[in-house]
Amino acid sequence: MDKIILSSTSTPLPTSSLPPLRSATSTASLSSPKKLVLLRSTRIQRKLSSSSRTSTSFCKVHGSTTITCGAITEIKESDFQNVVLNSDRPVLVEFVATWCGPCRLISPAMEAVAQEYGDRLTVVKIDHDASPKLIEEYKVYGLPALVLFKDGKEVPESRREGAITKAKLKEYVDALLASISVA
């Protein structure tokens, strides 16, 4: 399985012979700019500096169809019935695509919301291109698309399409949870 390691070292990491997927220069929380190199891995490690703190999170693979990175679970069409429709708690579904810029833009906000509301709400991500039946059934016309499900049904007025700021996303989720009496 491929590995993802995010490191602040400017020298190549010996853990993999694979080329970097993406690199960027960052000055956040560092005394001097360092080059961040993203390599393939199931473990994401962000090391701010050699003498600084390290935070690590893991991606978990559940069976062959679901992947959880952080608080958001990525599911396939085949898991939709069990994970979303049969859930005993509200589920916020995020329809995304790898080629969608706005989807990547709201990804950190979605992760923050999934962690903050994790006790009251399940957040799942569904890939648009890998789930054509769901896209057609739920009439997803724009990406990213957010739809809340409760008791196996789409909550009326819960659909939202397009990029959204973290503050607006939290307002949206608060309003939805209040409307279904979960808050």
N, C-alpha and C. Protein backbone atom coordinates (compact mmCIF):
# COMPACT_ATOMS: atom_id res chain seq x y z
N MET A 1 0.85 -1.17 0.00
CA MET A 1 0.00 0.00 0.00
C MET A 1 0.89 1.24 0.00
N ASP A 2 0.49 2.27 -0.72
CA ASP A 2 1.27 3.49 -0.79
C ASP A 2 1.24 4.22 0.54
N LYS A 3 2.25 5.03 0.77
CA LYS A 3 2.34 5.80 2.01
C LYS A 3 2.38 7.28 1.70
N ILE A 4 1.82 8.11 2.60
CA ILE A 4 1.85 9.56 2.47
C ILE A 4 2.58 10.10 3.69
N ILE A 5 3.67 10.78 3.48
CA ILE A 5 4.41 11.36 4.59
C ILE A 5 4.63 12.82 4.27
N LEU A 6 4.19 13.69 5.15
CA LEU A 6 4.38 15.12 4.98
C LEU A 6 5.48 15.51 5.94
N SER A 7 6.57 16.00 5.42
CA SER A 7 7.72 16.28 6.26
C SER A 7 8.29 17.64 5.91
N SER A 8 8.91 18.31 6.90
CA SER A 8 9.49 19.62 6.66
C SER A 8 10.97 19.54 6.32
N THR A 9 11.47 18.35 6.18
CA THR A 9 12.89 18.23 5.84
C THR A 9 13.10 18.63 4.40
N SER A 10 14.24 19.25 4.13
CA SER A 10 14.52 19.67 2.76
C SER A 10 15.29 18.60 2.00
N THR A 11 15.67 17.52 2.68
CA THR A 11 16.36 16.43 2.01
C THR A 11 15.38 15.32 1.74
N PRO A 12 15.62 14.53 0.70
CA PRO A 12 14.71 13.43 0.38
C PRO A 12 14.63 12.44 1.54
N LEU A 13 13.46 11.90 1.76
CA LEU A 13 13.27 10.93 2.82
C LEU A 13 13.64 9.54 2.30
N PRO A 14 14.42 8.77 3.06
CA PRO A 14 14.85 7.46 2.60
C PRO A 14 13.79 6.39 2.70
N THR A 15 12.59 6.71 3.26
CA THR A 15 11.57 5.69 3.46
C THR A 15 10.90 5.21 2.18
N SER A 16 11.08 5.93 1.10
CA SER A 16 10.42 5.53 -0.13
C SER A 16 11.25 5.97 -1.33
N SER A 17 11.25 5.15 -2.34
CA SER A 17 11.96 5.53 -3.56
C SER A 17 11.04 6.20 -4.55
N LEU A 18 9.77 6.40 -4.17
CA LEU A 18 8.81 7.04 -5.06
C LEU A 18 9.07 8.54 -5.13
N PRO A 19 8.82 9.16 -6.27
CA PRO A 19 9.02 10.60 -6.39
C PRO A 19 7.93 11.36 -5.62
N PRO A 20 8.21 12.61 -5.23
CA PRO A 20 7.19 13.40 -4.54
C PRO A 20 5.98 13.62 -5.43
N LEU A 21 4.79 13.58 -4.83
CA LEU A 21 3.57 13.88 -5.57
C LEU A 21 3.39 15.38 -5.70
N ARG A 22 3.71 16.11 -4.63
CA ARG A 22 3.49 17.53 -4.58
C ARG A 22 4.51 18.12 -3.62
N SER A 23 4.98 19.31 -3.89
CA SER A 23 5.84 19.98 -2.93
C SER A 23 5.48 21.45 -2.87
N ALA A 24 5.74 22.05 -1.72
CA ALA A 24 5.41 23.46 -1.52
C ALA A 24 6.36 24.03 -0.50
N THR A 25 6.53 25.33 -0.50
CA THR A 25 7.37 25.98 0.48
C THR A 25 6.48 26.64 1.51
N SER A 26 6.80 26.45 2.78
CA SER A 26 5.99 27.00 3.85
C SER A 26 6.85 27.73 4.85
N THR A 27 6.35 28.84 5.38
CA THR A 27 7.06 29.56 6.43
C THR A 27 6.25 29.57 7.71
N ALA A 28 5.10 28.93 7.72
CA ALA A 28 4.25 28.92 8.90
C ALA A 28 4.91 28.19 10.06
N SER A 29 5.00 28.83 11.20
CA SER A 29 5.55 28.28 12.43
C SER A 29 7.01 27.84 12.32
N LEU A 30 7.69 28.30 11.33
CA LEU A 30 9.09 27.93 11.15
C LEU A 30 9.96 29.18 11.13
N SER A 31 11.18 29.06 11.64
CA SER A 31 12.06 30.22 11.65
C SER A 31 12.64 30.50 10.27
N SER A 32 12.74 29.50 9.45
CA SER A 32 13.20 29.68 8.08
C SER A 32 12.32 28.85 7.16
N PRO A 33 12.16 29.30 5.91
CA PRO A 33 11.31 28.52 4.99
C PRO A 33 11.85 27.11 4.80
N LYS A 34 10.99 26.15 4.80
CA LYS A 34 11.37 24.77 4.55
C LYS A 34 10.50 24.24 3.42
N LYS A 35 11.00 23.28 2.73
CA LYS A 35 10.25 22.69 1.63
C LYS A 35 9.48 21.49 2.15
N LEU A 36 8.18 21.49 1.92
CA LEU A 36 7.34 20.38 2.33
C LEU A 36 7.23 19.42 1.16
N VAL A 37 7.49 18.15 1.41
CA VAL A 37 7.45 17.15 0.36
C VAL A 37 6.41 16.11 0.73
N LEU A 38 5.51 15.82 -0.19
CA LEU A 38 4.45 14.85 0.05
C LEU A 38 4.78 13.58 -0.71
N LEU A 39 4.95 12.48 0.01
CA LEU A 39 5.24 11.19 -0.58
C LEU A 39 4.05 10.27 -0.35
N ARG A 40 3.97 9.19 -1.11
CA ARG A 40 2.87 8.25 -0.96
C ARG A 40 3.03 7.45 0.34
N SER A 41 1.88 7.31 1.12
CA SER A 41 1.91 6.57 2.39
C SER A 41 0.52 6.45 2.98
N THR A 42 0.27 5.49 3.88
CA THR A 42 -0.99 5.46 4.60
C THR A 42 -0.88 6.26 5.88
N ARG A 43 0.30 6.71 6.20
CA ARG A 43 0.49 7.50 7.41
C ARG A 43 0.85 8.92 7.01
N ILE A 44 0.19 9.89 7.60
CA ILE A 44 0.48 11.29 7.31
C ILE A 44 1.22 11.85 8.51
N GLN A 45 2.42 12.34 8.30
CA GLN A 45 3.19 12.88 9.40
C GLN A 45 3.61 14.29 9.06
N ARG A 46 3.29 15.22 9.92
CA ARG A 46 3.66 16.61 9.71
C ARG A 46 4.69 16.96 10.77
N LYS A 47 5.90 17.19 10.37
CA LYS A 47 6.94 17.52 11.31
C LYS A 47 7.31 18.97 11.06
N LEU A 48 7.03 19.85 12.03
CA LEU A 48 7.22 21.27 11.85
C LEU A 48 8.69 21.65 11.86
N SER A 49 9.50 21.05 12.65
CA SER A 49 10.94 21.24 12.64
C SER A 49 11.55 20.11 13.44
N SER A 50 12.85 19.93 13.35
CA SER A 50 13.48 18.80 14.02
C SER A 50 13.37 18.90 15.53
N SER A 51 13.29 20.10 16.10
CA SER A 51 13.18 20.25 17.54
C SER A 51 11.77 20.58 17.99
N SER A 52 10.83 20.63 17.06
CA SER A 52 9.46 21.03 17.36
C SER A 52 8.56 19.82 17.55
N ARG A 53 7.28 20.08 17.76
CA ARG A 53 6.32 19.01 17.99
C ARG A 53 5.99 18.29 16.68
N THR A 54 5.51 17.08 16.81
CA THR A 54 5.09 16.29 15.66
C THR A 54 3.66 15.83 15.90
N SER A 55 2.78 16.03 14.93
CA SER A 55 1.43 15.49 15.04
C SER A 55 1.22 14.49 13.93
N THR A 56 0.60 13.38 14.27
CA THR A 56 0.45 12.31 13.31
C THR A 56 -1.00 11.85 13.28
N SER A 57 -1.53 11.60 12.10
CA SER A 57 -2.85 10.99 11.98
C SER A 57 -2.74 9.85 11.00
N PHE A 58 -3.67 8.92 11.07
CA PHE A 58 -3.60 7.74 10.23
C PHE A 58 -4.84 7.61 9.37
N CYS A 59 -4.66 7.05 8.19
CA CYS A 59 -5.79 6.68 7.35
C CYS A 59 -6.05 5.21 7.63
N LYS A 60 -7.31 4.86 7.82
CA LYS A 60 -7.68 3.47 8.09
C LYS A 60 -8.48 2.95 6.92
N VAL A 61 -8.19 1.74 6.50
CA VAL A 61 -8.92 1.08 5.43
C VAL A 61 -9.86 0.07 6.07
N HIS A 62 -11.16 0.21 5.81
CA HIS A 62 -12.18 -0.69 6.34
C HIS A 62 -12.65 -1.57 5.19
N GLY A 63 -12.26 -2.81 5.21
CA GLY A 63 -12.63 -3.71 4.11
C GLY A 63 -11.96 -3.24 2.83
N SER A 64 -12.65 -3.39 1.73
CA SER A 64 -12.07 -2.96 0.46
C SER A 64 -12.77 -1.73 -0.11
N THR A 65 -13.76 -1.20 0.63
CA THR A 65 -14.55 -0.13 0.04
C THR A 65 -14.57 1.18 0.79
N THR A 66 -14.15 1.22 2.05
CA THR A 66 -14.19 2.48 2.78
C THR A 66 -12.82 2.84 3.34
N ILE A 67 -12.54 4.13 3.36
CA ILE A 67 -11.29 4.65 3.88
C ILE A 67 -11.62 5.80 4.81
N THR A 68 -11.03 5.80 6.00
CA THR A 68 -11.23 6.90 6.94
C THR A 68 -9.91 7.62 7.14
N CYS A 69 -9.88 8.91 6.83
CA CYS A 69 -8.72 9.76 7.10
C CYS A 69 -9.23 10.87 8.00
N GLY A 70 -8.75 10.91 9.22
CA GLY A 70 -9.27 11.90 10.15
C GLY A 70 -10.67 11.51 10.56
N ALA A 71 -11.60 12.45 10.52
CA ALA A 71 -12.97 12.21 10.97
C ALA A 71 -13.94 11.92 9.82
N ILE A 72 -13.48 12.00 8.59
CA ILE A 72 -14.34 11.79 7.43
C ILE A 72 -14.06 10.41 6.83
N THR A 73 -15.13 9.67 6.57
CA THR A 73 -15.01 8.35 5.95
C THR A 73 -15.39 8.47 4.48
N GLU A 74 -14.53 7.97 3.61
CA GLU A 74 -14.85 7.94 2.18
C GLU A 74 -15.49 6.60 1.88
N ILE A 75 -16.71 6.64 1.33
CA ILE A 75 -17.44 5.40 1.05
C ILE A 75 -17.72 5.24 -0.44
N LYS A 76 -18.04 4.04 -0.82
CA LYS A 76 -18.39 3.71 -2.20
C LYS A 76 -19.91 3.56 -2.31
N GLU A 77 -20.40 3.47 -3.52
CA GLU A 77 -21.84 3.27 -3.76
C GLU A 77 -22.38 2.08 -2.99
N SER A 78 -21.62 1.01 -2.96
CA SER A 78 -22.08 -0.23 -2.32
C SER A 78 -22.27 -0.08 -0.81
N ASP A 79 -21.62 0.90 -0.19
CA ASP A 79 -21.73 1.11 1.25
C ASP A 79 -22.79 2.14 1.62
N PHE A 80 -23.36 2.82 0.65
CA PHE A 80 -24.28 3.93 0.91
C PHE A 80 -25.47 3.49 1.76
N GLN A 81 -26.07 2.36 1.44
CA GLN A 81 -27.23 1.86 2.18
C GLN A 81 -26.89 1.65 3.65
N ASN A 82 -25.80 0.93 3.92
CA ASN A 82 -25.44 0.62 5.31
C ASN A 82 -24.94 1.83 6.09
N VAL A 83 -24.09 2.62 5.49
CA VAL A 83 -23.45 3.72 6.20
C VAL A 83 -24.36 4.94 6.33
N VAL A 84 -25.11 5.27 5.28
CA VAL A 84 -25.91 6.50 5.28
C VAL A 84 -27.38 6.22 5.60
N LEU A 85 -28.02 5.40 4.82
CA LEU A 85 -29.47 5.21 4.96
C LEU A 85 -29.86 4.42 6.21
N ASN A 86 -29.00 3.50 6.66
CA ASN A 86 -29.32 2.70 7.85
C ASN A 86 -28.70 3.26 9.12
N SER A 87 -28.14 4.46 9.07
CA SER A 87 -27.49 5.05 10.23
C SER A 87 -28.52 5.50 11.27
N ASP A 88 -28.19 5.33 12.54
CA ASP A 88 -29.08 5.77 13.61
C ASP A 88 -28.84 7.23 14.01
N ARG A 89 -27.93 7.89 13.33
CA ARG A 89 -27.65 9.31 13.58
C ARG A 89 -27.60 10.05 12.26
N PRO A 90 -27.70 11.37 12.28
CA PRO A 90 -27.66 12.13 11.03
C PRO A 90 -26.32 11.93 10.30
N VAL A 91 -26.38 11.92 8.98
CA VAL A 91 -25.17 11.75 8.16
C VAL A 91 -25.10 12.88 7.15
N LEU A 92 -24.01 13.62 7.18
CA LEU A 92 -23.77 14.67 6.19
C LEU A 92 -22.92 14.06 5.08
N VAL A 93 -23.47 14.02 3.88
CA VAL A 93 -22.77 13.42 2.74
C VAL A 93 -22.17 14.54 1.91
N GLU A 94 -20.87 14.41 1.62
CA GLU A 94 -20.17 15.37 0.77
C GLU A 94 -19.84 14.66 -0.54
N PHE A 95 -20.46 15.10 -1.63
CA PHE A 95 -20.14 14.57 -2.95
C PHE A 95 -19.00 15.40 -3.52
N VAL A 96 -17.90 14.74 -3.89
CA VAL A 96 -16.70 15.43 -4.36
C VAL A 96 -16.11 14.72 -5.58
N ALA A 97 -15.12 15.35 -6.19
CA ALA A 97 -14.36 14.73 -7.27
C ALA A 97 -12.90 15.17 -7.12
N THR A 98 -11.99 14.31 -7.53
CA THR A 98 -10.57 14.63 -7.40
C THR A 98 -10.16 15.82 -8.27
N TRP A 99 -10.87 16.03 -9.36
CA TRP A 99 -10.54 17.13 -10.28
C TRP A 99 -11.22 18.44 -9.91
N CYS A 100 -12.02 18.44 -8.85
CA CYS A 100 -12.83 19.60 -8.45
C CYS A 100 -12.04 20.52 -7.51
N GLY A 101 -11.70 21.71 -7.99
CA GLY A 101 -10.96 22.68 -7.18
C GLY A 101 -11.72 23.11 -5.94
N PRO A 102 -13.00 23.51 -6.04
CA PRO A 102 -13.75 23.89 -4.84
C PRO A 102 -13.86 22.76 -3.81
N CYS A 103 -13.87 21.51 -4.28
CA CYS A 103 -13.91 20.37 -3.35
C CYS A 103 -12.64 20.33 -2.51
N ARG A 104 -11.51 20.54 -3.16
CA ARG A 104 -10.24 20.56 -2.42
C ARG A 104 -10.18 21.78 -1.50
N LEU A 105 -10.78 22.87 -1.93
CA LEU A 105 -10.77 24.11 -1.15
C LEU A 105 -11.51 23.95 0.18
N ILE A 106 -12.64 23.27 0.19
CA ILE A 106 -13.41 23.14 1.44
C ILE A 106 -13.01 21.92 2.27
N SER A 107 -12.11 21.11 1.77
CA SER A 107 -11.71 19.90 2.47
C SER A 107 -11.25 20.14 3.91
N PRO A 108 -10.39 21.14 4.20
CA PRO A 108 -9.99 21.37 5.59
C PRO A 108 -11.17 21.80 6.47
N ALA A 109 -12.08 22.59 5.94
CA ALA A 109 -13.25 23.01 6.70
C ALA A 109 -14.16 21.82 7.00
N MET A 110 -14.32 20.93 6.03
CA MET A 110 -15.13 19.74 6.24
C MET A 110 -14.51 18.85 7.32
N GLU A 111 -13.21 18.71 7.30
CA GLU A 111 -12.51 17.91 8.30
C GLU A 111 -12.72 18.52 9.69
N ALA A 112 -12.61 19.84 9.80
CA ALA A 112 -12.81 20.52 11.08
C ALA A 112 -14.24 20.31 11.59
N VAL A 113 -15.20 20.43 10.71
CA VAL A 113 -16.61 20.24 11.09
C VAL A 113 -16.85 18.79 11.51
N ALA A 114 -16.27 17.85 10.78
CA ALA A 114 -16.44 16.43 11.12
C ALA A 114 -15.88 16.14 12.51
N GLN A 115 -14.77 16.76 12.86
CA GLN A 115 -14.20 16.56 14.19
C GLN A 115 -15.02 17.25 15.26
N GLU A 116 -15.42 18.49 15.00
CA GLU A 116 -16.15 19.27 15.99
C GLU A 116 -17.54 18.71 16.28
N TYR A 117 -18.23 18.22 15.26
CA TYR A 117 -19.58 17.72 15.42
C TYR A 117 -19.64 16.20 15.46
N GLY A 118 -18.51 15.56 15.65
CA GLY A 118 -18.43 14.10 15.61
C GLY A 118 -19.32 13.37 16.59
N ASP A 119 -19.69 14.03 17.69
CA ASP A 119 -20.57 13.40 18.67
C ASP A 119 -22.04 13.43 18.26
N ARG A 120 -22.39 14.28 17.28
CA ARG A 120 -23.79 14.44 16.88
C ARG A 120 -24.04 14.12 15.41
N LEU A 121 -22.97 13.94 14.63
CA LEU A 121 -23.11 13.87 13.18
C LEU A 121 -22.01 13.00 12.59
N THR A 122 -22.36 12.20 11.60
CA THR A 122 -21.37 11.44 10.85
C THR A 122 -21.16 12.15 9.52
N VAL A 123 -19.91 12.31 9.11
CA VAL A 123 -19.61 12.95 7.83
C VAL A 123 -18.94 11.92 6.93
N VAL A 124 -19.50 11.76 5.72
CA VAL A 124 -18.92 10.84 4.74
C VAL A 124 -18.68 11.58 3.44
N LYS A 125 -17.74 11.05 2.68
CA LYS A 125 -17.38 11.63 1.39
C LYS A 125 -17.61 10.57 0.32
N ILE A 126 -18.21 10.99 -0.79
CA ILE A 126 -18.47 10.08 -1.90
C ILE A 126 -17.88 10.68 -3.16
N ASP A 127 -17.09 9.87 -3.87
CA ASP A 127 -16.46 10.32 -5.11
C ASP A 127 -17.49 10.32 -6.24
N HIS A 128 -17.64 11.48 -6.85
CA HIS A 128 -18.60 11.69 -7.94
C HIS A 128 -18.38 10.71 -9.09
N ASP A 129 -17.14 10.57 -9.52
CA ASP A 129 -16.84 9.75 -10.69
C ASP A 129 -17.02 8.26 -10.43
N ALA A 130 -16.83 7.82 -9.17
CA ALA A 130 -16.94 6.41 -8.84
C ALA A 130 -18.36 6.01 -8.44
N SER A 131 -19.27 6.97 -8.37
CA SER A 131 -20.62 6.69 -7.89
C SER A 131 -21.71 7.27 -8.79
N PRO A 132 -21.75 6.89 -10.06
CA PRO A 132 -22.70 7.50 -10.99
C PRO A 132 -24.16 7.25 -10.64
N LYS A 133 -24.49 6.10 -10.05
CA LYS A 133 -25.88 5.81 -9.70
C LYS A 133 -26.37 6.75 -8.60
N LEU A 134 -25.53 6.99 -7.61
CA LEU A 134 -25.91 7.90 -6.53
C LEU A 134 -26.03 9.34 -7.03
N ILE A 135 -25.13 9.72 -7.93
CA ILE A 135 -25.17 11.07 -8.50
C ILE A 135 -26.49 11.28 -9.25
N GLU A 136 -26.90 10.26 -9.98
CA GLU A 136 -28.16 10.35 -10.72
C GLU A 136 -29.36 10.30 -9.78
N GLU A 137 -29.34 9.39 -8.83
CA GLU A 137 -30.47 9.23 -7.91
C GLU A 137 -30.72 10.48 -7.07
N TYR A 138 -29.64 11.10 -6.59
CA TYR A 138 -29.78 12.28 -5.74
C TYR A 138 -29.61 13.60 -6.50
N LYS A 139 -29.55 13.50 -7.81
CA LYS A 139 -29.52 14.67 -8.69
C LYS A 139 -28.46 15.70 -8.26
N VAL A 140 -27.23 15.21 -8.21
CA VAL A 140 -26.10 16.08 -7.85
C VAL A 140 -25.62 16.76 -9.13
N TYR A 141 -25.85 18.07 -9.22
CA TYR A 141 -25.51 18.81 -10.43
C TYR A 141 -24.27 19.67 -10.27
N GLY A 142 -23.91 20.03 -9.06
CA GLY A 142 -22.73 20.86 -8.81
C GLY A 142 -21.88 20.26 -7.71
N LEU A 143 -20.60 20.53 -7.75
CA LEU A 143 -19.68 20.02 -6.74
C LEU A 143 -18.93 21.16 -6.08
N PRO A 144 -18.57 21.01 -4.83
CA PRO A 144 -18.99 19.96 -3.92
C PRO A 144 -20.47 20.11 -3.57
N ALA A 145 -21.11 19.01 -3.27
CA ALA A 145 -22.51 19.01 -2.88
C ALA A 145 -22.62 18.41 -1.49
N LEU A 146 -23.35 19.08 -0.61
CA LEU A 146 -23.57 18.60 0.74
C LEU A 146 -25.05 18.28 0.89
N VAL A 147 -25.34 17.10 1.42
CA VAL A 147 -26.72 16.67 1.63
C VAL A 147 -26.78 15.97 2.99
N LEU A 148 -27.74 16.36 3.82
CA LEU A 148 -27.91 15.73 5.12
C LEU A 148 -28.99 14.66 5.05
N PHE A 149 -28.70 13.50 5.64
CA PHE A 149 -29.65 12.39 5.71
C PHE A 149 -29.95 12.09 7.17
N LYS A 150 -31.21 11.83 7.45
CA LYS A 150 -31.62 11.41 8.79
C LYS A 150 -32.72 10.37 8.63
N ASP A 151 -32.61 9.29 9.37
CA ASP A 151 -33.58 8.19 9.32
C ASP A 151 -33.75 7.67 7.90
N GLY A 152 -32.67 7.60 7.14
CA GLY A 152 -32.70 7.03 5.81
C GLY A 152 -33.25 7.92 4.72
N LYS A 153 -33.52 9.19 5.05
CA LYS A 153 -34.09 10.10 4.05
C LYS A 153 -33.30 11.40 4.01
N GLU A 154 -33.31 12.01 2.82
CA GLU A 154 -32.70 13.33 2.68
C GLU A 154 -33.53 14.35 3.45
N VAL A 155 -32.85 15.16 4.27
CA VAL A 155 -33.54 16.19 5.03
C VAL A 155 -33.92 17.32 4.07
N PRO A 156 -35.21 17.70 4.04
CA PRO A 156 -35.63 18.79 3.14
C PRO A 156 -34.85 20.07 3.42
N GLU A 157 -34.52 20.79 2.38
CA GLU A 157 -33.78 22.06 2.47
C GLU A 157 -32.35 21.91 2.96
N SER A 158 -31.80 20.69 2.95
CA SER A 158 -30.43 20.50 3.46
C SER A 158 -29.38 20.57 2.36
N ARG A 159 -29.80 20.52 1.13
CA ARG A 159 -28.84 20.46 0.01
C ARG A 159 -28.11 21.79 -0.18
N ARG A 160 -26.80 21.70 -0.36
CA ARG A 160 -25.98 22.88 -0.63
C ARG A 160 -24.89 22.48 -1.62
N GLU A 161 -24.69 23.30 -2.64
CA GLU A 161 -23.67 23.03 -3.65
C GLU A 161 -22.72 24.20 -3.74
N GLY A 162 -21.45 23.89 -4.00
CA GLY A 162 -20.43 24.91 -4.17
C GLY A 162 -19.55 25.09 -2.94
N ALA A 163 -18.50 25.87 -3.11
CA ALA A 163 -17.54 26.12 -2.03
C ALA A 163 -18.20 26.97 -0.95
N ILE A 164 -17.70 26.82 0.27
CA ILE A 164 -18.26 27.51 1.42
C ILE A 164 -17.13 27.72 2.44
N THR A 165 -17.15 28.84 3.14
CA THR A 165 -16.13 29.09 4.16
C THR A 165 -16.41 28.24 5.39
N LYS A 166 -15.41 28.09 6.24
CA LYS A 166 -15.57 27.29 7.45
C LYS A 166 -16.66 27.88 8.33
N ALA A 167 -16.69 29.21 8.49
CA ALA A 167 -17.71 29.86 9.33
C ALA A 167 -19.12 29.61 8.79
N LYS A 168 -19.29 29.75 7.47
CA LYS A 168 -20.60 29.52 6.86
C LYS A 168 -20.98 28.04 6.94
N LEU A 169 -19.99 27.16 6.82
CA LEU A 169 -20.24 25.73 6.92
C LEU A 169 -20.75 25.39 8.32
N LYS A 170 -20.14 25.97 9.35
CA LYS A 170 -20.59 25.74 10.72
C LYS A 170 -22.00 26.28 10.93
N GLU A 171 -22.31 27.46 10.38
CA GLU A 171 -23.66 28.01 10.47
C GLU A 171 -24.67 27.07 9.81
N TYR A 172 -24.29 26.55 8.64
CA TYR A 172 -25.13 25.63 7.88
C TYR A 172 -25.40 24.36 8.70
N VAL A 173 -24.36 23.78 9.29
CA VAL A 173 -24.52 22.54 10.07
C VAL A 173 -25.32 22.82 11.34
N ASP A 174 -25.05 23.94 12.02
CA ASP A 174 -25.81 24.29 13.22
C ASP A 174 -27.30 24.41 12.90
N ALA A 175 -27.62 25.09 11.80
CA ALA A 175 -29.02 25.27 11.40
C ALA A 175 -29.67 23.92 11.07
N LEU A 176 -28.95 23.06 10.38
CA LEU A 176 -29.49 21.74 10.04
C LEU A 176 -29.75 20.91 11.28
N LEU A 177 -28.77 20.89 12.20
CA LEU A 177 -28.94 20.11 13.41
C LEU A 177 -30.07 20.64 14.28
N ALA A 178 -30.22 21.96 14.32
CA ALA A 178 -31.33 22.56 15.07
C ALA A 178 -32.67 22.18 14.44
N SER A 179 -32.71 22.13 13.10
CA SER A 179 -33.97 21.83 12.41
C SER A 179 -34.42 20.38 12.59
N ILE A 180 -33.47 19.50 12.88
CA ILE A 180 -33.84 18.08 13.08
C ILE A 180 -33.74 17.67 14.55
N SER A 181 -33.59 18.66 15.43
CA SER A 181 -33.59 18.45 16.88
C SER A 181 -32.47 17.55 17.37
N VAL A 182 -31.26 17.76 16.85
CA VAL A 182 -30.12 16.97 17.30
C VAL A 182 -29.21 17.84 18.15
N ALA A 183 -29.23 19.16 17.96
CA ALA A 183 -28.35 20.07 18.67
C ALA A 183 -28.68 20.08 20.12
